[in-house]
Protein backbone atom coordinates (compact mmCIF):
# COMPACT_ATOMS: atom_id res chain seq x y z
CA MET A 1 -40.08 47.00 -11.83
CA VAL A 2 -37.48 43.74 -10.45
CA ALA A 3 -40.04 43.45 -8.36
CA GLY A 4 -42.56 43.02 -11.07
CA LEU A 5 -40.98 41.04 -13.32
CA ARG A 6 -40.91 38.65 -10.89
CA GLU A 7 -44.60 38.48 -10.31
CA LEU A 8 -45.59 38.53 -13.84
CA PHE A 9 -43.07 35.37 -14.56
CA ALA A 10 -44.30 33.59 -11.43
CA THR A 11 -47.91 33.63 -12.48
CA PHE A 12 -48.59 34.64 -16.63
CA PRO A 13 -51.61 32.31 -17.47
CA ALA A 14 -50.66 28.72 -19.10
CA SER A 15 -52.06 29.74 -23.04
CA VAL A 16 -48.96 31.81 -22.93
CA ARG A 17 -45.29 30.71 -25.04
CA ALA A 18 -43.24 33.15 -25.47
CA VAL A 19 -42.53 36.37 -23.50
CA VAL A 20 -40.95 39.38 -25.10
CA ILE A 21 -38.98 42.19 -23.16
CA HIS A 22 -38.70 45.19 -24.99
CA GLY A 23 -37.53 48.65 -23.49
CA GLU A 24 -40.19 51.31 -23.91
CA GLY A 25 -38.07 55.23 -24.40
CA GLU A 26 -34.95 55.66 -26.34
CA HIS A 27 -32.45 52.61 -24.13
CA PHE A 28 -33.75 49.22 -22.99
CA CYS A 29 -32.47 49.67 -19.72
CA ALA A 30 -29.69 51.05 -17.79
CA GLY A 31 -29.83 49.80 -14.40
CA LEU A 32 -30.44 50.04 -10.86
CA ASP A 33 -31.41 53.12 -9.31
CA LEU A 34 -28.45 54.07 -7.37
CA SER A 35 -30.50 56.08 -4.45
CA GLU A 36 -31.59 52.58 -3.91
CA VAL A 37 -27.68 52.07 -2.92
CA GLY A 38 -26.31 55.46 -1.24
CA GLY A 39 -28.30 55.86 2.00
CA GLU A 40 -26.34 54.25 5.20
CA PRO A 41 -24.56 50.68 5.63
CA ASP A 42 -27.04 47.93 5.61
CA LEU A 43 -25.71 45.01 5.18
CA ALA A 44 -28.46 42.47 5.55
CA ALA A 45 -30.29 44.86 3.81
CA GLY A 46 -28.15 44.84 0.43
CA ILE A 47 -27.89 40.89 0.72
CA ALA A 48 -31.53 41.03 0.68
CA HIS A 49 -31.39 43.66 -2.24
CA SER A 50 -29.38 40.93 -4.37
CA LEU A 51 -31.02 38.18 -3.72
CA GLY A 52 -33.94 39.66 -4.58
CA TRP A 53 -33.14 40.34 -7.85
CA HIS A 54 -32.02 37.39 -8.26
CA ARG A 55 -35.26 35.55 -7.80
CA ALA A 56 -36.34 37.25 -10.66
CA PHE A 57 -34.96 37.15 -13.04
CA GLN A 58 -34.20 33.01 -12.48
CA GLU A 59 -37.73 33.03 -13.16
CA ILE A 60 -36.88 34.49 -16.45
CA GLU A 61 -34.33 32.01 -16.30
CA PHE A 62 -35.74 29.23 -15.64
CA GLY A 63 -39.22 29.75 -16.01
CA ARG A 64 -41.95 27.56 -18.12
CA VAL A 65 -41.30 30.00 -21.56
CA PRO A 66 -38.75 31.02 -23.57
CA VAL A 67 -37.11 34.52 -23.29
CA PHE A 68 -36.66 37.18 -26.13
CA THR A 69 -35.19 41.08 -25.52
CA VAL A 70 -34.85 43.20 -27.42
CA LEU A 71 -31.69 46.04 -27.22
CA HIS A 72 -31.27 49.39 -27.62
CA GLY A 73 -29.19 52.12 -26.24
CA ALA A 74 -28.67 51.84 -23.00
CA VAL A 75 -27.90 47.98 -21.55
CA VAL A 76 -26.17 49.41 -18.84
CA GLY A 77 -25.17 47.13 -15.66
CA GLY A 78 -28.63 46.45 -14.78
CA GLY A 79 -30.14 46.01 -17.30
CA PHE A 80 -26.88 44.04 -19.10
CA GLU A 81 -28.02 41.47 -16.15
CA LEU A 82 -31.98 41.11 -17.28
CA ALA A 83 -30.79 40.78 -20.89
CA ALA A 84 -28.36 38.06 -19.98
CA ALA A 85 -31.31 36.53 -17.72
CA SER A 86 -33.50 35.26 -21.00
CA HIS A 87 -32.88 33.24 -23.61
CA ILE A 88 -32.92 34.74 -27.08
CA ARG A 89 -31.06 38.65 -27.29
CA ILE A 90 -31.34 40.98 -29.73
CA ALA A 91 -29.75 44.57 -30.29
CA GLU A 92 -29.99 46.80 -32.81
CA ARG A 93 -27.17 48.80 -33.91
CA SER A 94 -27.75 51.72 -31.58
CA ALA A 95 -27.89 49.48 -28.29
CA PHE A 96 -24.23 50.00 -26.26
CA PHE A 97 -23.47 47.20 -23.37
CA ALA A 98 -20.86 48.68 -19.68
CA LEU A 99 -20.89 47.82 -16.73
CA PRO A 100 -19.91 50.58 -14.83
CA GLU A 101 -20.27 48.76 -11.56
CA GLY A 102 -16.45 49.05 -10.71
CA GLN A 103 -16.36 53.06 -11.09
CA ARG A 104 -19.39 53.00 -9.16
CA GLY A 105 -17.79 51.56 -5.99
CA ILE A 106 -19.97 48.67 -6.07
CA PHE A 107 -20.74 45.71 -7.22
CA LEU A 108 -22.85 42.90 -9.80
CA GLY A 109 -25.75 42.11 -7.82
CA GLY A 110 -28.15 41.20 -10.12
CA GLY A 111 -26.70 37.41 -10.81
CA GLY A 112 -24.63 39.21 -13.85
CA SER A 113 -21.39 37.71 -11.80
CA VAL A 114 -22.08 34.23 -12.85
CA ARG A 115 -24.20 35.02 -16.03
CA ILE A 116 -22.76 37.07 -18.33
CA PRO A 117 -18.59 36.26 -18.05
CA ARG A 118 -20.70 32.88 -19.71
CA LEU A 119 -21.74 34.83 -22.80
CA ILE A 120 -18.26 36.31 -23.15
CA GLY A 121 -15.77 35.57 -20.77
CA VAL A 122 -14.55 36.58 -18.07
CA PRO A 123 -11.38 38.76 -19.29
CA LEU A 124 -13.77 41.20 -21.05
CA VAL A 125 -16.29 41.19 -18.07
CA GLN A 126 -13.11 42.48 -16.39
CA ASP A 127 -11.99 44.68 -18.92
CA MET A 128 -15.27 46.39 -18.86
CA MET A 129 -15.93 46.22 -14.83
CA LEU A 130 -11.68 47.81 -14.54
CA THR A 131 -11.84 49.93 -16.80
CA GLY A 132 -15.37 51.31 -17.55
CA ARG A 133 -15.41 49.95 -21.23
CA SER A 134 -18.33 50.04 -23.10
CA LEU A 135 -18.99 47.46 -25.81
CA SER A 136 -20.65 48.69 -29.15
CA ALA A 137 -23.24 46.15 -30.29
CA GLU A 138 -20.75 45.05 -33.15
CA GLU A 139 -18.84 44.41 -30.27
CA ALA A 140 -21.05 43.11 -28.35
CA ARG A 141 -22.28 41.06 -31.49
CA GLY A 142 -18.82 39.65 -31.42
CA ALA A 143 -18.37 38.83 -28.00
CA GLY A 144 -21.66 36.79 -27.52
CA ALA A 145 -23.21 38.76 -25.65
CA CYS A 146 -26.42 39.08 -28.17
CA GLN A 147 -27.38 36.62 -31.06
CA TYR A 148 -28.59 38.95 -33.90
CA LEU A 149 -27.48 42.12 -34.54
CA VAL A 150 -30.24 43.88 -36.83
CA ASP A 151 -31.00 47.87 -37.59
CA ASP A 152 -32.85 50.65 -35.21
CA GLY A 153 -35.92 49.49 -35.27
CA THR A 154 -36.21 47.03 -36.74
CA GLY A 155 -35.95 44.21 -33.42
CA LEU A 156 -39.10 44.64 -32.31
CA ALA A 157 -40.51 42.86 -35.17
CA LEU A 158 -37.80 40.01 -35.80
CA ALA A 159 -38.74 39.47 -31.09
CA LYS A 160 -42.11 38.58 -32.16
CA GLN A 161 -40.80 36.61 -35.13
CA LEU A 162 -38.40 34.45 -33.26
CA ALA A 163 -40.85 34.28 -30.45
CA ALA A 164 -44.01 32.85 -32.19
CA LYS A 165 -41.49 29.82 -33.96
CA ALA A 166 -40.58 29.41 -30.24
CA ALA A 167 -44.48 29.10 -29.11
CA GLY A 168 -44.81 26.36 -32.07
CA ASN A 169 -41.96 23.61 -30.14
CA ALA A 170 -43.47 21.08 -28.32
CA ASP A 171 -43.66 22.22 -24.54
CA MET A 172 -41.52 19.18 -23.79
CA THR A 173 -38.52 20.03 -26.06
CA ASN A 174 -38.69 23.69 -24.83
CA PHE A 175 -38.51 22.95 -21.21
CA ALA A 176 -35.93 20.48 -22.32
CA VAL A 177 -33.54 23.26 -24.48
CA ILE A 178 -34.33 25.97 -21.08
CA HIS A 179 -33.76 23.55 -17.74
CA ALA A 180 -31.82 21.05 -18.78
CA LEU A 181 -29.55 22.11 -21.64
CA PRO A 182 -27.50 24.84 -19.54
CA ARG A 183 -27.57 22.34 -16.39
CA ILE A 184 -25.92 19.84 -18.85
CA ALA A 185 -23.44 21.93 -20.55
CA GLU A 186 -22.32 22.94 -16.86
CA ALA A 187 -22.43 19.54 -15.43
CA ASP A 188 -19.38 16.79 -15.68
CA PRO A 189 -19.37 14.89 -18.20
CA HIS A 190 -20.78 11.74 -17.23
CA ILE A 191 -23.73 12.97 -15.39
CA GLY A 192 -24.58 15.51 -18.58
CA TYR A 193 -24.94 12.63 -20.93
CA LEU A 194 -27.34 11.00 -18.45
CA THR A 195 -29.03 13.56 -18.07
CA GLU A 196 -29.31 14.16 -22.13
CA ALA A 197 -30.26 10.51 -22.10
CA LEU A 198 -32.99 11.05 -19.95
CA MET A 199 -34.24 14.49 -21.36
CA ALA A 200 -34.08 12.68 -25.00
CA SER A 201 -35.96 10.50 -23.76
CA THR A 202 -38.93 11.78 -22.50
CA ALA A 203 -39.03 14.78 -24.90
CA GLN A 204 -39.32 11.66 -27.58
CA ASN A 205 -41.75 9.99 -26.13
CA MET A 206 -44.36 12.29 -25.60
CA PRO A 207 -47.51 11.94 -27.42
CA GLU A 208 -47.18 15.77 -29.30
CA ALA A 209 -43.11 14.29 -29.85
CA LYS A 210 -45.08 10.91 -31.79
CA ALA A 211 -47.05 13.42 -33.79
CA ARG A 212 -44.48 15.79 -34.71
CA VAL A 213 -42.22 12.32 -36.10
CA ARG A 214 -45.18 11.35 -38.34
CA ASP A 215 -46.08 14.42 -39.70
CA PHE A 216 -41.67 14.86 -40.78
CA LEU A 217 -41.81 11.52 -41.92
CA ALA A 218 -45.26 11.92 -43.98
CA LYS A 219 -43.46 14.88 -45.36
CA ARG A 220 -46.51 16.89 -43.95
CA ALA A 221 -43.80 19.04 -41.58
CA ALA A 222 -41.67 21.89 -42.78
CA LYS A 223 -38.10 20.81 -43.27
CA VAL A 224 -34.13 22.20 -42.41
CA ALA A 225 -33.88 25.26 -45.12
CA ARG A 226 -29.89 27.26 -46.00
CA PRO A 227 -29.07 30.37 -44.06
CA ASP A 228 -30.73 33.83 -46.11
C-alpha cells in the first residue's frame, strides 16, 4: 500500500488539483503489518524499509496538491504517520490515535518522529509511546492532531467540500502553502523572512494572481465571511 501511495502521488495527472484519502471499512489505518519486521534481524533491510515509507510520505507532504485525510476508527502507528503527512486532517468522533510501537519493541519508522511531535508536541508523543496511551478524537483535536472534528459518517463529505475549495486556489499559492510555509516556519527567522518575501513576490506577480486581485477590487470575488 505504501509503495502504491508513492507511485500514485508521483504520477497522477495534471488535472488533479486536490486529493482526499479515506480508509474503507471500520478503520482509517491500523498501521504496519508487523509480520514485515518479525523475521530474522537485518539492519540494512530495516533501514531500507523505513526510507521507503519516508519517500512515499514525502510525496504526499511535499507533492503538487493539497491532501485531505478523513480519519475514523483506528489511526494507529503507521496510520497516524500517514495522516501526519497530509495537510488537512478531519477526524470523525469514532477516531482514536495511538503509537503502540513502544509496546512492540520497535520505533516510529514512517517519519512519525519528525511530523507527529510538530503537531502535538514531544511530551505527548513520549507519553503515548512510553505508556501506550491512546487519544480520543476530542483529545486529538485539542492536542493539534487534526484541524476538524465531525460526527461519524460526515467526514468524507466535508473533506470533498474543503478539497474543492483548495482546488480552486491559484497554483502558486498552493505551492507556497505546501512547500514554502512549513520550511519558513522551521527556518532561522532571518532566512524565513527573506524566503517569505521571495515567495510572496513570486505569487503576486503570477498572471492568475493579478486577475484574482482585479476581480476582488471590482467586487466580483467573494469576501471573507464570519465563522458559522
